[in-house]
């Protein structure tokens, strides 16, 4: 009886930890040029400049993309200390906004954590001078021409 109880408890704990991995996307993905440009803004240098995308808000914390439509959403931290929910709010925002655009339920997954591509289990850091298209392709993401 104790073995059965231990197995049940361990399987419950294992199922809870594996669900966190489902926040990040996997598989091949094709994004539009428009979303690619939005990703470049998300990856801004973090310099606070009112006139330029991500740079007006601070460094990007998470970026989620829709797996069913061409939509993305991002989160930023303009302060030195921000609460980190693991990207859950960015994913939810992506799904909510994509649903507003299409009128149907959409599925979003996290693509970036900070400046690191996490798609397909990768951990590819993206620098300012790096070839973003090549790094995305390495992760299984192509940009439509």
N, C-alpha and C. Protein backbone atom coordinates (compact mmCIF):
# COMPACT_ATOMS: atom_id res chain seq x y z
N UNK A 1 0.82 -1.20 0.00
CA UNK A 1 0.00 0.00 0.00
C UNK A 1 0.87 1.27 0.00
N UNK A 2 1.96 1.24 0.75
CA UNK A 2 2.85 2.40 0.80
C UNK A 2 3.51 2.64 -0.55
N UNK A 3 3.84 1.54 -1.27
CA UNK A 3 4.44 1.69 -2.59
C UNK A 3 3.46 2.35 -3.55
N UNK A 4 2.21 1.93 -3.49
CA UNK A 4 1.19 2.50 -4.35
C UNK A 4 1.01 3.99 -4.07
N UNK A 5 0.96 4.35 -2.82
CA UNK A 5 0.83 5.75 -2.43
C UNK A 5 2.04 6.55 -2.90
N UNK A 6 3.23 5.99 -2.75
CA UNK A 6 4.45 6.68 -3.20
C UNK A 6 4.43 6.87 -4.71
N UNK A 7 3.97 5.88 -5.45
CA UNK A 7 3.90 5.98 -6.91
C UNK A 7 2.91 7.07 -7.32
N UNK A 8 1.77 7.12 -6.65
CA UNK A 8 0.77 8.13 -6.96
C UNK A 8 1.31 9.54 -6.69
N UNK A 9 1.96 9.71 -5.55
CA UNK A 9 2.51 11.02 -5.19
C UNK A 9 3.60 11.43 -6.18
N UNK A 10 4.51 10.52 -6.51
CA UNK A 10 5.59 10.84 -7.44
C UNK A 10 5.06 11.14 -8.84
N UNK A 11 4.05 10.39 -9.28
CA UNK A 11 3.49 10.67 -10.60
C UNK A 11 2.79 12.02 -10.62
N UNK A 12 2.15 12.40 -9.53
CA UNK A 12 1.50 13.71 -9.44
C UNK A 12 2.55 14.82 -9.51
N UNK A 13 3.64 14.66 -8.77
CA UNK A 13 4.71 15.66 -8.79
C UNK A 13 5.35 15.74 -10.16
N UNK A 14 5.57 14.60 -10.82
CA UNK A 14 6.17 14.59 -12.14
C UNK A 14 5.26 15.28 -13.16
N UNK A 15 3.96 15.07 -13.07
CA UNK A 15 3.04 15.69 -14.03
C UNK A 15 3.00 17.21 -13.85
N UNK A 16 3.16 17.68 -12.63
CA UNK A 16 3.18 19.13 -12.40
C UNK A 16 4.43 19.78 -12.95
N UNK A 17 5.59 19.12 -12.85
CA UNK A 17 6.82 19.71 -13.36
C UNK A 17 6.87 19.64 -14.87
N UNK A 18 6.29 18.63 -15.48
CA UNK A 18 6.33 18.52 -16.93
C UNK A 18 5.41 19.53 -17.60
N UNK A 19 4.39 20.02 -16.91
CA UNK A 19 3.48 21.00 -17.52
C UNK A 19 4.17 22.35 -17.71
N UNK A 20 5.20 22.65 -16.89
CA UNK A 20 5.92 23.90 -17.05
C UNK A 20 6.66 23.92 -18.37
N UNK A 21 7.14 22.78 -18.83
CA UNK A 21 7.84 22.69 -20.10
C UNK A 21 6.93 22.97 -21.27
N UNK A 22 5.65 22.80 -21.10
CA UNK A 22 4.72 23.01 -22.20
C UNK A 22 4.49 24.48 -22.52
N UNK A 23 5.04 25.38 -21.73
CA UNK A 23 4.93 26.80 -22.03
C UNK A 23 5.74 27.16 -23.28
N UNK A 24 6.85 26.46 -23.48
CA UNK A 24 7.73 26.73 -24.62
C UNK A 24 7.32 25.90 -25.81
N UNK A 25 7.43 26.48 -26.99
CA UNK A 25 6.98 25.83 -28.21
C UNK A 25 8.00 24.86 -28.77
N UNK A 26 7.50 24.00 -29.67
CA UNK A 26 8.38 23.09 -30.39
C UNK A 26 7.79 22.79 -31.76
N UNK A 27 8.60 22.20 -32.60
CA UNK A 27 8.18 21.90 -33.96
C UNK A 27 8.60 23.01 -34.91
N UNK A 28 8.41 22.75 -36.20
CA UNK A 28 8.74 23.76 -37.21
C UNK A 28 7.68 24.86 -37.20
N UNK A 29 8.11 26.09 -37.40
CA UNK A 29 7.22 27.24 -37.38
C UNK A 29 7.64 28.20 -38.48
N UNK A 30 6.65 28.80 -39.14
CA UNK A 30 6.91 29.81 -40.16
C UNK A 30 6.24 31.10 -39.72
N UNK A 31 7.02 32.18 -39.67
CA UNK A 31 6.49 33.48 -39.25
C UNK A 31 6.58 34.47 -40.42
N UNK A 32 5.77 35.50 -40.34
CA UNK A 32 5.75 36.52 -41.40
C UNK A 32 6.89 37.52 -41.19
N UNK A 33 7.13 38.33 -42.20
CA UNK A 33 8.12 39.40 -42.08
C UNK A 33 7.70 40.40 -41.02
N UNK A 34 6.38 40.63 -40.92
CA UNK A 34 5.87 41.58 -39.92
C UNK A 34 6.20 41.09 -38.50
N UNK A 35 5.98 39.81 -38.23
CA UNK A 35 6.30 39.30 -36.90
C UNK A 35 7.80 39.29 -36.67
N UNK A 36 8.57 39.01 -37.73
CA UNK A 36 10.03 39.05 -37.63
C UNK A 36 10.49 40.45 -37.20
N UNK A 37 9.90 41.48 -37.79
CA UNK A 37 10.25 42.86 -37.43
C UNK A 37 9.86 43.16 -35.98
N UNK A 38 8.71 42.61 -35.55
CA UNK A 38 8.28 42.79 -34.15
C UNK A 38 9.28 42.11 -33.21
N UNK A 39 9.79 40.95 -33.59
CA UNK A 39 10.79 40.26 -32.77
C UNK A 39 12.06 41.10 -32.68
N UNK A 40 12.46 41.72 -33.78
CA UNK A 40 13.64 42.58 -33.75
C UNK A 40 13.43 43.76 -32.80
N UNK A 41 12.23 44.32 -32.77
CA UNK A 41 11.93 45.39 -31.81
C UNK A 41 11.99 44.86 -30.38
N UNK A 42 11.44 43.66 -30.18
CA UNK A 42 11.47 43.03 -28.85
C UNK A 42 12.91 42.88 -28.37
N UNK A 43 13.81 42.53 -29.27
CA UNK A 43 15.20 42.31 -28.91
C UNK A 43 16.01 43.60 -28.82
N UNK A 44 15.34 44.74 -28.73
CA UNK A 44 16.02 46.03 -28.62
C UNK A 44 17.08 46.01 -27.53
N UNK A 45 17.96 46.95 -27.56
CA UNK A 45 19.12 46.95 -26.67
C UNK A 45 18.77 47.19 -25.21
N UNK A 46 17.56 47.63 -24.91
CA UNK A 46 17.19 47.92 -23.54
C UNK A 46 17.40 49.37 -23.17
N UNK A 47 17.96 50.16 -24.07
CA UNK A 47 18.16 51.59 -23.83
C UNK A 47 16.79 52.26 -23.88
N UNK A 48 16.49 53.04 -22.89
CA UNK A 48 15.18 53.67 -22.84
C UNK A 48 15.14 54.87 -23.79
N UNK A 49 14.49 54.66 -24.92
CA UNK A 49 14.36 55.68 -25.95
C UNK A 49 12.89 55.73 -26.34
N UNK A 50 12.22 56.81 -26.07
CA UNK A 50 10.78 56.90 -26.28
C UNK A 50 10.35 56.64 -27.72
N UNK A 51 11.23 56.82 -28.66
CA UNK A 51 10.85 56.73 -30.07
C UNK A 51 11.04 55.36 -30.70
N UNK A 52 11.50 54.35 -29.96
CA UNK A 52 11.85 53.12 -30.63
C UNK A 52 11.45 51.86 -29.87
N UNK A 53 10.36 51.23 -30.26
CA UNK A 53 9.93 49.89 -29.86
C UNK A 53 10.30 49.45 -28.47
N UNK A 54 10.99 48.32 -28.38
CA UNK A 54 11.36 47.72 -27.11
C UNK A 54 12.24 48.65 -26.30
N UNK A 55 12.99 49.49 -26.97
CA UNK A 55 13.92 50.36 -26.27
C UNK A 55 13.20 51.38 -25.40
N UNK A 56 11.94 51.65 -25.67
CA UNK A 56 11.21 52.60 -24.84
C UNK A 56 10.73 51.96 -23.55
N UNK A 57 10.72 50.63 -23.49
CA UNK A 57 10.14 49.94 -22.35
C UNK A 57 11.16 49.18 -21.50
N UNK A 58 12.39 49.10 -21.91
CA UNK A 58 13.38 48.32 -21.18
C UNK A 58 13.61 46.99 -21.89
N UNK A 59 14.34 46.13 -21.27
CA UNK A 59 14.73 44.85 -21.85
C UNK A 59 13.55 43.89 -21.88
N UNK A 60 13.39 43.15 -22.99
CA UNK A 60 12.32 42.18 -23.12
C UNK A 60 12.50 41.01 -22.17
N UNK A 61 11.41 40.56 -21.55
CA UNK A 61 11.49 39.43 -20.62
C UNK A 61 11.03 38.13 -21.27
N UNK A 62 9.93 38.15 -22.00
CA UNK A 62 9.41 36.96 -22.69
C UNK A 62 8.75 37.38 -23.99
N UNK A 63 8.79 36.47 -24.96
CA UNK A 63 8.09 36.68 -26.23
C UNK A 63 7.34 35.40 -26.56
N UNK A 64 6.03 35.51 -26.80
CA UNK A 64 5.20 34.37 -27.16
C UNK A 64 4.69 34.56 -28.57
N UNK A 65 4.55 33.46 -29.30
CA UNK A 65 4.04 33.51 -30.66
C UNK A 65 2.90 32.51 -30.81
N UNK A 66 1.97 32.84 -31.67
CA UNK A 66 0.85 31.94 -31.93
C UNK A 66 1.32 30.84 -32.87
N UNK A 67 0.93 29.62 -32.58
CA UNK A 67 1.28 28.49 -33.45
C UNK A 67 0.23 28.28 -34.53
N UNK A 68 -0.90 28.97 -34.44
CA UNK A 68 -1.99 28.76 -35.38
C UNK A 68 -2.26 29.96 -36.28
N UNK A 69 -1.77 31.11 -35.92
CA UNK A 69 -1.94 32.31 -36.74
C UNK A 69 -0.70 33.17 -36.60
N UNK A 70 -0.60 34.23 -37.36
CA UNK A 70 0.57 35.08 -37.35
C UNK A 70 0.39 36.19 -36.31
N UNK A 71 0.74 35.88 -35.07
CA UNK A 71 0.56 36.84 -33.98
C UNK A 71 1.61 36.60 -32.92
N UNK A 72 2.06 37.66 -32.29
CA UNK A 72 3.03 37.55 -31.21
C UNK A 72 2.74 38.56 -30.13
N UNK A 73 3.27 38.29 -28.94
CA UNK A 73 3.08 39.19 -27.80
C UNK A 73 4.35 39.15 -26.97
N UNK A 74 4.66 40.26 -26.32
CA UNK A 74 5.90 40.32 -25.54
C UNK A 74 5.68 41.00 -24.21
N UNK A 75 6.61 40.76 -23.31
CA UNK A 75 6.61 41.39 -22.00
C UNK A 75 7.93 42.10 -21.78
N UNK A 76 7.90 43.20 -21.03
CA UNK A 76 9.09 44.00 -20.78
C UNK A 76 9.22 44.31 -19.30
N UNK A 77 10.44 44.60 -18.89
CA UNK A 77 10.69 45.00 -17.51
C UNK A 77 11.43 46.33 -17.53
N UNK A 78 10.73 47.44 -17.27
CA UNK A 78 11.40 48.73 -17.30
C UNK A 78 12.18 49.05 -16.01
N UNK A 79 12.04 48.22 -14.99
CA UNK A 79 12.73 48.45 -13.72
C UNK A 79 13.83 47.42 -13.54
N UNK A 80 14.70 47.67 -12.59
CA UNK A 80 15.78 46.72 -12.35
C UNK A 80 15.27 45.45 -11.67
N UNK A 81 14.18 45.54 -10.93
CA UNK A 81 13.61 44.36 -10.27
C UNK A 81 12.14 44.23 -10.66
N UNK A 82 11.81 43.13 -11.31
CA UNK A 82 10.43 42.85 -11.72
C UNK A 82 10.05 41.47 -11.24
N UNK A 83 8.78 41.26 -11.00
CA UNK A 83 8.33 39.91 -10.64
C UNK A 83 8.31 39.07 -11.91
N UNK A 84 8.71 37.81 -11.78
CA UNK A 84 8.80 36.90 -12.93
C UNK A 84 7.79 35.78 -12.74
N UNK A 85 6.78 35.73 -13.63
CA UNK A 85 5.78 34.67 -13.55
C UNK A 85 6.09 33.52 -14.49
N UNK A 86 7.30 33.50 -15.03
CA UNK A 86 7.69 32.42 -15.93
C UNK A 86 7.12 32.54 -17.33
N UNK A 87 6.59 33.69 -17.69
CA UNK A 87 6.05 33.91 -19.02
C UNK A 87 4.57 33.59 -19.16
N UNK A 88 3.93 33.19 -18.08
CA UNK A 88 2.51 32.81 -18.13
C UNK A 88 1.64 33.98 -18.60
N UNK A 89 1.90 35.17 -18.09
CA UNK A 89 1.06 36.32 -18.46
C UNK A 89 1.28 36.72 -19.93
N UNK A 90 2.49 36.59 -20.43
CA UNK A 90 2.76 36.92 -21.84
C UNK A 90 2.05 35.92 -22.74
N UNK A 91 2.10 34.64 -22.38
CA UNK A 91 1.43 33.60 -23.17
C UNK A 91 -0.08 33.85 -23.17
N UNK A 92 -0.64 34.17 -22.02
CA UNK A 92 -2.08 34.44 -21.92
C UNK A 92 -2.46 35.68 -22.73
N UNK A 93 -1.63 36.70 -22.69
CA UNK A 93 -1.88 37.92 -23.46
C UNK A 93 -1.85 37.62 -24.96
N UNK A 94 -0.92 36.80 -25.39
CA UNK A 94 -0.83 36.41 -26.80
C UNK A 94 -2.10 35.69 -27.24
N UNK A 95 -2.56 34.76 -26.45
CA UNK A 95 -3.76 33.99 -26.78
C UNK A 95 -5.00 34.89 -26.81
N UNK A 96 -5.10 35.79 -25.84
CA UNK A 96 -6.25 36.70 -25.77
C UNK A 96 -6.27 37.65 -26.97
N UNK A 97 -5.12 38.25 -27.28
CA UNK A 97 -5.06 39.21 -28.39
C UNK A 97 -5.23 38.52 -29.75
N UNK A 98 -4.68 37.31 -29.89
CA UNK A 98 -4.84 36.58 -31.15
C UNK A 98 -6.31 36.19 -31.35
N UNK A 99 -6.99 35.86 -30.26
CA UNK A 99 -8.41 35.53 -30.35
C UNK A 99 -9.22 36.76 -30.79
N UNK A 100 -8.84 37.94 -30.29
CA UNK A 100 -9.52 39.17 -30.71
C UNK A 100 -9.34 39.40 -32.20
N UNK A 101 -8.16 39.08 -32.73
CA UNK A 101 -7.88 39.29 -34.15
C UNK A 101 -8.62 38.30 -35.05
N UNK A 102 -8.71 37.03 -34.61
CA UNK A 102 -9.27 35.99 -35.48
C UNK A 102 -10.70 35.61 -35.14
N UNK A 103 -11.13 35.88 -33.92
CA UNK A 103 -12.47 35.51 -33.50
C UNK A 103 -12.59 34.06 -33.05
N UNK A 104 -11.47 33.35 -32.97
CA UNK A 104 -11.49 31.97 -32.50
C UNK A 104 -10.33 31.72 -31.54
N UNK A 105 -10.42 30.63 -30.79
CA UNK A 105 -9.40 30.31 -29.81
C UNK A 105 -8.07 30.02 -30.51
N UNK A 106 -7.02 30.65 -30.04
CA UNK A 106 -5.69 30.49 -30.62
C UNK A 106 -4.74 29.91 -29.58
N UNK A 107 -3.71 29.23 -30.05
CA UNK A 107 -2.72 28.61 -29.17
C UNK A 107 -1.39 29.35 -29.31
N UNK A 108 -0.85 29.81 -28.21
CA UNK A 108 0.44 30.51 -28.21
C UNK A 108 1.44 29.73 -27.36
N UNK A 109 2.70 29.84 -27.74
CA UNK A 109 3.80 29.23 -26.99
C UNK A 109 4.92 30.25 -26.86
N UNK A 110 5.73 30.11 -25.81
CA UNK A 110 6.84 31.02 -25.61
C UNK A 110 7.96 30.69 -26.60
N UNK A 111 8.52 31.73 -27.19
CA UNK A 111 9.62 31.60 -28.15
C UNK A 111 10.93 32.08 -27.53
N UNK A 112 10.88 33.19 -26.82
CA UNK A 112 12.06 33.77 -26.18
C UNK A 112 11.88 33.89 -24.68
N UNK A 113 12.97 33.69 -23.96
CA UNK A 113 13.06 34.10 -22.56
C UNK A 113 14.22 35.08 -22.53
N UNK A 114 13.90 36.33 -22.32
CA UNK A 114 14.93 37.36 -22.44
C UNK A 114 15.40 37.42 -23.88
N UNK A 115 16.69 37.28 -24.09
CA UNK A 115 17.26 37.28 -25.43
C UNK A 115 17.74 35.88 -25.81
N UNK A 116 17.09 34.87 -25.27
CA UNK A 116 17.45 33.48 -25.55
C UNK A 116 16.29 32.78 -26.23
N UNK A 117 16.56 32.18 -27.41
CA UNK A 117 15.54 31.41 -28.12
C UNK A 117 15.39 30.08 -27.39
N UNK A 118 14.17 29.77 -26.96
CA UNK A 118 13.89 28.55 -26.21
C UNK A 118 13.02 27.57 -27.00
N UNK A 119 12.75 27.85 -28.27
CA UNK A 119 11.91 27.01 -29.12
C UNK A 119 12.62 25.67 -29.36
N UNK A 120 11.87 24.58 -29.37
CA UNK A 120 12.40 23.23 -29.60
C UNK A 120 13.47 22.84 -28.57
N UNK A 121 13.38 23.39 -27.38
CA UNK A 121 14.32 23.04 -26.32
C UNK A 121 15.70 23.67 -26.48
N UNK A 122 15.85 24.58 -27.41
CA UNK A 122 17.12 25.26 -27.63
C UNK A 122 17.39 26.29 -26.54
N UNK A 123 18.64 26.68 -26.44
CA UNK A 123 19.05 27.78 -25.58
C UNK A 123 20.05 28.60 -26.38
N UNK A 124 19.54 29.34 -27.37
CA UNK A 124 20.37 30.10 -28.29
C UNK A 124 20.30 31.57 -27.90
N UNK A 125 21.42 32.11 -27.40
CA UNK A 125 21.46 33.52 -27.02
C UNK A 125 21.62 34.38 -28.27
N UNK A 126 20.84 35.46 -28.32
CA UNK A 126 20.84 36.36 -29.46
C UNK A 126 21.46 37.69 -29.04
N UNK A 127 22.56 38.05 -29.69
CA UNK A 127 23.23 39.32 -29.44
C UNK A 127 22.79 40.37 -30.45
N UNK A 128 23.16 41.59 -30.22
CA UNK A 128 22.77 42.70 -31.08
C UNK A 128 23.29 42.52 -32.51
N UNK A 129 24.52 42.03 -32.66
CA UNK A 129 25.14 41.91 -33.97
C UNK A 129 24.94 40.54 -34.61
N UNK A 130 24.19 39.65 -34.00
CA UNK A 130 23.98 38.30 -34.54
C UNK A 130 22.99 38.31 -35.70
N UNK A 131 23.11 37.30 -36.59
CA UNK A 131 22.18 37.12 -37.70
C UNK A 131 20.93 36.43 -37.17
N UNK A 132 19.89 37.22 -36.89
CA UNK A 132 18.68 36.71 -36.26
C UNK A 132 18.00 35.64 -37.11
N UNK A 133 17.92 35.85 -38.42
CA UNK A 133 17.26 34.86 -39.28
C UNK A 133 17.96 33.51 -39.21
N UNK A 134 19.28 33.51 -39.20
CA UNK A 134 20.04 32.26 -39.14
C UNK A 134 19.82 31.56 -37.79
N UNK A 135 19.79 32.33 -36.72
CA UNK A 135 19.58 31.73 -35.40
C UNK A 135 18.17 31.16 -35.27
N UNK A 136 17.17 31.88 -35.82
CA UNK A 136 15.80 31.36 -35.80
C UNK A 136 15.71 30.08 -36.62
N UNK A 137 16.39 30.05 -37.76
CA UNK A 137 16.38 28.85 -38.61
C UNK A 137 17.00 27.66 -37.88
N UNK A 138 18.05 27.91 -37.11
CA UNK A 138 18.68 26.86 -36.31
C UNK A 138 17.67 26.26 -35.33
N UNK A 139 16.76 27.08 -34.84
CA UNK A 139 15.75 26.64 -33.88
C UNK A 139 14.52 26.04 -34.55
N UNK A 140 14.48 26.02 -35.90
CA UNK A 140 13.34 25.45 -36.61
C UNK A 140 12.28 26.46 -37.00
N UNK A 141 12.65 27.75 -37.04
CA UNK A 141 11.72 28.82 -37.36
C UNK A 141 12.18 29.50 -38.64
N UNK A 142 11.31 29.58 -39.63
CA UNK A 142 11.65 30.25 -40.88
C UNK A 142 10.79 31.50 -41.04
N UNK A 143 11.32 32.46 -41.76
CA UNK A 143 10.62 33.72 -42.03
C UNK A 143 10.11 33.66 -43.47
N UNK A 144 8.80 33.92 -43.64
CA UNK A 144 8.20 33.93 -44.99
C UNK A 144 8.79 35.07 -45.81
N UNK A 145 9.00 34.80 -47.08
CA UNK A 145 9.51 35.86 -47.97
C UNK A 145 8.39 36.65 -48.59
